[in-house]
């Protein structure tokens, strides 16, 4: 099965290397469209995550602090806010793929009948846009963790790209699959939006994995967000290396999902023009 996937004429690396200029052009256009007709323009890409982080620090570092036990250290409240913010950022990347990918092809039907246009780029552009915004949020998170967290700036923070990259790869596969399926089954968009919300509560977004009920912990650990969220928190907030074994298994699974999603997309695209 893996050999068949690797023989696909347009794997992830080949698709990007052959059309890198077009990909970057579409990515810039998508990011610009998001802030078009706003007064502050692209500045919102920085302002939005700053406001979100400020909200978490305000709520859990100030408003809730009187309700915390008297022995609690104020810095630990900031750590709790940063822990939540890290989970929300990574969930946002997957949520964007689940909610936006189904419309990638359906809303760009004018490209479908252009034989030379690489349709596989459209889901990648959506993931790329979400990844850019995630990167900006993570930069702010690193600075906040260094300035407000109990651990300060630590060398382990340099491992952050390794904890996030597998999730980006998984999102590529999910986006390809959903974009293809939504052409034939329009209900996919509604189902994926519900799944996005469900994953927010079934993944360790608002709590550490260790805090999950013992009977449910193994189930939560199998979710698509558990490994990257826990690994990101380990390197940013605890100054520790991630669980390399778990991260390696997750990375292999993410690669297979990406190749599987691309294969499904390539085989399904033959009928796009007939449906759209």
Protein backbone atom coordinates (compact mmCIF):
# COMPACT_ATOMS: atom_id res chain seq x y z
CA UNK A 1 0.00 0.00 0.00
CA UNK A 2 2.77 2.41 0.93
CA UNK A 3 4.63 1.65 -2.33
CA UNK A 4 1.48 2.41 -4.30
CA UNK A 5 1.12 5.72 -2.52
CA UNK A 6 4.73 6.68 -3.18
CA UNK A 7 4.29 5.91 -6.88
CA UNK A 8 1.59 8.54 -7.14
CA UNK A 9 2.72 10.94 -9.90
CA UNK A 10 2.20 13.97 -7.67
CA UNK A 11 3.32 13.33 -4.14
CA UNK A 12 3.51 16.15 -1.63
CA UNK A 13 7.14 17.03 -2.35
CA UNK A 14 6.75 16.86 -6.12
CA UNK A 15 3.59 18.94 -6.10
CA UNK A 16 5.32 21.72 -4.19
CA UNK A 17 8.61 21.60 -6.09
CA UNK A 18 6.88 21.72 -9.49
CA UNK A 19 4.53 24.57 -8.63
CA UNK A 20 6.30 26.43 -5.82
CA UNK A 21 5.89 29.87 -7.42
CA UNK A 22 2.17 29.33 -8.01
CA UNK A 23 1.75 28.02 -4.47
CA UNK A 24 3.40 31.09 -2.94
CA UNK A 25 1.36 33.41 -5.16
CA UNK A 26 -1.92 31.73 -4.15
CA UNK A 27 -0.85 31.71 -0.50
CA UNK A 28 -0.11 35.44 -0.50
CA UNK A 29 -3.44 36.13 -2.17
CA UNK A 30 -5.37 34.02 0.34
CA UNK A 31 -3.73 35.73 3.32
CA UNK A 32 -4.32 39.17 1.80
CA UNK A 33 -7.99 38.36 1.09
CA UNK A 34 -8.53 37.47 4.73
CA UNK A 35 -7.77 41.04 5.80
CA UNK A 36 -9.00 42.90 2.75
CA UNK A 37 -11.08 46.02 3.47
CA UNK A 38 -9.96 46.12 7.11
CA UNK A 39 -8.31 49.26 8.46
CA UNK A 40 -5.32 47.49 9.98
CA UNK A 41 -4.84 44.96 7.17
CA UNK A 42 -2.15 42.32 7.76
CA UNK A 43 -1.45 43.76 11.20
CA UNK A 44 -4.42 41.69 12.35
CA UNK A 45 -2.31 38.57 11.81
CA UNK A 46 -0.29 39.73 14.86
CA UNK A 47 -3.02 41.56 16.76
CA UNK A 48 -5.50 38.65 16.83
CA UNK A 49 -3.19 36.14 18.59
CA UNK A 50 -2.00 38.89 20.95
CA UNK A 51 -5.58 39.66 21.95
CA UNK A 52 -6.33 35.96 22.40
CA UNK A 53 -3.29 35.45 24.60
CA UNK A 54 -4.14 38.58 26.56
CA UNK A 55 -7.63 37.25 27.17
CA UNK A 56 -6.30 33.97 28.59
CA UNK A 57 -3.77 35.71 30.83
CA UNK A 58 -6.44 38.16 32.03
CA UNK A 59 -9.01 35.47 32.78
CA UNK A 60 -6.76 32.87 34.39
CA UNK A 61 -4.04 35.15 35.74
CA UNK A 62 -6.23 37.93 37.16
CA UNK A 63 -9.97 37.26 37.27
CA UNK A 64 -9.74 33.64 38.46
CA UNK A 65 -6.73 34.17 40.74
CA UNK A 66 -8.76 35.02 43.88
CA UNK A 67 -10.54 31.68 43.53
CA UNK A 68 -7.31 29.71 43.41
CA UNK A 69 -6.01 28.23 46.62
CA UNK A 70 -3.98 30.71 48.65
CA UNK A 71 -0.81 28.65 48.24
CA UNK A 72 -0.84 28.96 44.46
CA UNK A 73 1.97 30.97 42.93
CA UNK A 74 0.90 33.72 40.49
CA UNK A 75 3.37 32.49 37.85
CA UNK A 76 1.62 29.12 37.80
CA UNK A 77 -1.60 30.85 36.82
CA UNK A 78 0.26 32.32 33.86
CA UNK A 79 1.56 28.84 33.02
CA UNK A 80 -2.01 27.55 33.04
CA UNK A 81 -3.08 30.32 30.66
CA UNK A 82 -0.13 29.53 28.37
CA UNK A 83 -0.98 25.83 28.47
CA UNK A 84 -4.52 26.59 27.31
CA UNK A 85 -3.29 28.97 24.63
CA UNK A 86 -0.93 26.33 23.20
CA UNK A 87 -3.79 23.85 22.96
CA UNK A 88 -6.11 26.36 21.32
CA UNK A 89 -3.47 27.33 18.73
CA UNK A 90 -2.87 23.75 17.58
CA UNK A 91 -6.56 22.92 17.59
CA UNK A 92 -7.09 26.01 15.44
CA UNK A 93 -4.81 24.59 12.74
CA UNK A 94 -6.74 21.32 12.51
CA UNK A 95 -10.08 23.10 12.87
CA UNK A 96 -9.23 25.34 9.94
CA UNK A 97 -8.51 22.28 7.81
CA UNK A 98 -11.74 20.57 8.84
CA UNK A 99 -13.95 23.60 8.23
CA UNK A 100 -12.27 25.22 5.21
CA UNK A 101 -11.04 22.27 3.16
CA UNK A 102 -14.48 21.03 2.03
CA UNK A 103 -14.98 24.28 0.10
CA UNK A 104 -11.54 24.32 -1.56
CA UNK A 105 -12.68 22.76 -4.83
CA UNK A 106 -16.41 23.48 -4.69
CA UNK A 107 -15.84 27.23 -4.35
CA UNK A 108 -13.16 27.26 -7.06
CA UNK A 109 -15.01 25.38 -9.78
CA UNK A 110 -13.55 27.73 -12.40
CA UNK A 111 -10.17 26.03 -11.91
CA UNK A 112 -11.55 22.51 -12.33
CA UNK A 113 -11.91 22.67 -16.10
CA UNK A 114 -8.42 24.09 -16.55
CA UNK A 115 -6.54 20.93 -17.46
CA UNK A 116 -3.10 22.35 -16.67
CA UNK A 117 -4.06 23.78 -13.26
CA UNK A 118 -2.75 21.69 -10.32
CA UNK A 119 -5.92 21.40 -8.24
CA UNK A 120 -4.00 19.67 -5.48
CA UNK A 121 -2.49 23.03 -4.58
CA UNK A 122 -5.81 24.50 -3.44
CA UNK A 123 -6.07 22.43 -0.22
CA UNK A 124 -2.35 23.04 0.38
CA UNK A 125 -2.85 26.79 0.13
CA UNK A 126 -5.57 26.58 2.77
CA UNK A 127 -3.27 24.60 5.09
CA UNK A 128 -0.41 26.98 4.30
CA UNK A 129 -2.48 30.00 5.30
CA UNK A 130 -3.49 28.34 8.57
CA UNK A 131 0.15 27.38 9.20
CA UNK A 132 1.34 30.97 8.72
CA UNK A 133 -1.16 32.18 11.31
CA UNK A 134 -0.17 29.31 13.62
CA UNK A 135 3.49 30.32 13.28
CA UNK A 136 2.71 33.90 14.27
CA UNK A 137 0.74 32.66 17.26
CA UNK A 138 3.59 30.36 18.29
CA UNK A 139 6.11 33.20 18.10
CA UNK A 140 3.94 35.16 20.52
CA UNK A 141 3.55 32.06 22.69
CA UNK A 142 7.34 31.54 22.86
CA UNK A 143 7.88 35.16 23.91
CA UNK A 144 5.08 34.94 26.48
CA UNK A 145 6.39 31.64 27.86
CA UNK A 146 9.87 33.12 28.18
CA UNK A 147 8.69 36.32 29.85
CA UNK A 148 5.72 35.12 31.90
CA UNK A 149 6.26 31.39 32.42
CA UNK A 150 8.05 29.94 35.41
CA UNK A 151 10.69 28.27 33.22
CA UNK A 152 11.67 31.33 31.19
CA UNK A 153 13.50 30.93 27.89
CA UNK A 154 14.95 27.43 27.50
CA UNK A 155 16.93 25.55 24.84
CA UNK A 156 14.11 23.02 24.48
CA UNK A 157 12.06 25.72 22.76
CA UNK A 158 14.23 25.20 19.67
CA UNK A 159 12.49 21.83 19.23
CA UNK A 160 9.13 23.51 18.64
CA UNK A 161 9.12 23.05 14.83
CA UNK A 162 9.55 19.29 15.31
CA UNK A 163 6.46 19.09 17.50
CA UNK A 164 4.26 21.03 15.07
CA UNK A 165 5.43 19.78 11.64
CA UNK A 166 3.72 16.35 11.86
CA UNK A 167 0.37 18.03 12.59
CA UNK A 168 0.81 20.25 9.52
CA UNK A 169 1.47 17.13 7.44
CA UNK A 170 -1.63 15.44 8.84
CA UNK A 171 -3.70 18.53 8.02
CA UNK A 172 -2.51 18.33 4.41
CA UNK A 173 -3.84 14.79 4.11
CA UNK A 174 -7.11 15.65 5.82
CA UNK A 175 -7.59 18.69 3.58
CA UNK A 176 -6.97 16.73 0.38
CA UNK A 177 -9.42 14.03 1.43
CA UNK A 178 -12.16 16.42 2.56
CA UNK A 179 -11.77 18.66 -0.50
CA UNK A 180 -12.25 15.65 -2.78
CA UNK A 181 -15.13 14.07 -0.87
CA UNK A 182 -17.03 17.36 -0.53
CA UNK A 183 -17.33 17.60 -4.33
CA UNK A 184 -19.48 14.46 -4.32
CA UNK A 185 -20.99 14.66 -0.82
CA UNK A 186 -21.85 18.23 0.14
CA UNK A 187 -22.76 17.16 3.70
CA UNK A 188 -19.05 16.70 4.39
CA UNK A 189 -18.72 20.38 5.30
CA UNK A 190 -21.37 20.15 8.01
CA UNK A 191 -19.97 16.93 9.42
CA UNK A 192 -16.40 18.21 9.52
CA UNK A 193 -17.47 21.39 11.33
CA UNK A 194 -19.14 19.26 14.00
CA UNK A 195 -16.04 17.06 14.21
CA UNK A 196 -13.89 20.15 14.76
CA UNK A 197 -15.97 21.17 17.78
CA UNK A 198 -16.02 17.61 19.09
CA UNK A 199 -12.24 17.34 18.90
CA UNK A 200 -11.87 20.51 20.95
CA UNK A 201 -13.46 18.79 23.94
CA UNK A 202 -12.14 15.25 23.35
CA UNK A 203 -8.53 16.41 22.96
CA UNK A 204 -6.24 17.81 25.68
CA UNK A 205 -6.88 21.39 24.57
CA UNK A 206 -8.21 22.74 27.86
CA UNK A 207 -6.44 20.24 30.13
CA UNK A 208 -3.17 18.28 30.22
CA UNK A 209 -3.40 14.66 29.14
CA UNK A 210 -2.45 13.54 32.65
CA UNK A 211 -5.62 15.21 33.98
CA UNK A 212 -7.92 13.09 31.79
CA UNK A 213 -9.90 10.38 33.62
CA UNK A 214 -7.82 7.23 33.85
CA UNK A 215 -10.33 5.17 31.93
CA UNK A 216 -10.44 7.70 29.08
CA UNK A 217 -6.78 8.70 28.98
CA UNK A 218 -5.74 6.11 26.42
CA UNK A 219 -8.65 7.11 24.17
CA UNK A 220 -7.79 10.82 24.41
CA UNK A 221 -4.13 9.99 23.70
CA UNK A 222 -5.12 8.43 20.36
CA UNK A 223 -6.72 11.66 19.12
CA UNK A 224 -5.05 13.62 16.31
CA UNK A 225 -4.15 16.52 18.61
CA UNK A 226 -2.91 14.77 21.75
CA UNK A 227 0.69 14.09 20.70
CA UNK A 228 1.50 17.50 19.16
CA UNK A 229 -0.20 19.43 21.97
CA UNK A 230 1.58 17.50 24.72
CA UNK A 231 4.91 17.73 22.87
CA UNK A 232 4.52 21.48 22.35
CA UNK A 233 3.70 22.05 26.00
CA UNK A 234 6.70 19.95 27.04
CA UNK A 235 9.23 21.99 25.06
CA UNK A 236 7.68 25.40 25.70
CA UNK A 237 6.45 25.28 29.27
CA UNK A 238 8.41 22.46 30.89
CA UNK A 239 11.75 22.83 29.12
CA UNK A 240 11.76 19.11 28.33
CA UNK A 241 12.28 17.11 25.18
CA UNK A 242 9.07 15.58 23.81
CA UNK A 243 8.30 11.88 23.89
CA UNK A 244 10.40 11.01 20.84
CA UNK A 245 8.90 7.54 20.47
CA UNK A 246 5.34 8.82 20.46
CA UNK A 247 6.25 11.71 18.17
CA UNK A 248 7.96 9.36 15.70
CA UNK A 249 4.92 7.07 15.52
CA UNK A 250 2.65 10.09 15.09
CA UNK A 251 4.88 11.44 12.30
CA UNK A 252 4.74 8.16 10.37
CA UNK A 253 0.96 8.07 10.75
CA UNK A 254 0.73 11.70 9.59
CA UNK A 255 2.85 10.91 6.52
CA UNK A 256 0.63 7.96 5.61
CA UNK A 257 -2.49 10.11 6.06
CA UNK A 258 -0.96 12.81 3.84
CA UNK A 259 -0.08 10.32 1.10
CA UNK A 260 -3.46 8.63 1.43
CA UNK A 261 -5.30 11.94 1.22
CA UNK A 262 -3.30 12.96 -1.86
CA UNK A 263 -3.96 9.61 -3.55
CA UNK A 264 -7.69 9.91 -2.86
CA UNK A 265 -7.68 13.44 -4.24
CA UNK A 266 -5.80 12.51 -7.41
CA UNK A 267 -8.09 9.58 -8.14
CA UNK A 268 -11.25 11.55 -7.39
CA UNK A 269 -10.39 14.65 -9.41
CA UNK A 270 -11.19 12.88 -12.68
CA UNK A 271 -14.88 13.29 -11.97
CA UNK A 272 -14.81 16.84 -10.58
CA UNK A 273 -15.74 18.46 -13.89
CA UNK A 274 -18.76 16.16 -14.30
CA UNK A 275 -20.13 17.10 -10.87
CA UNK A 276 -19.30 20.80 -10.86
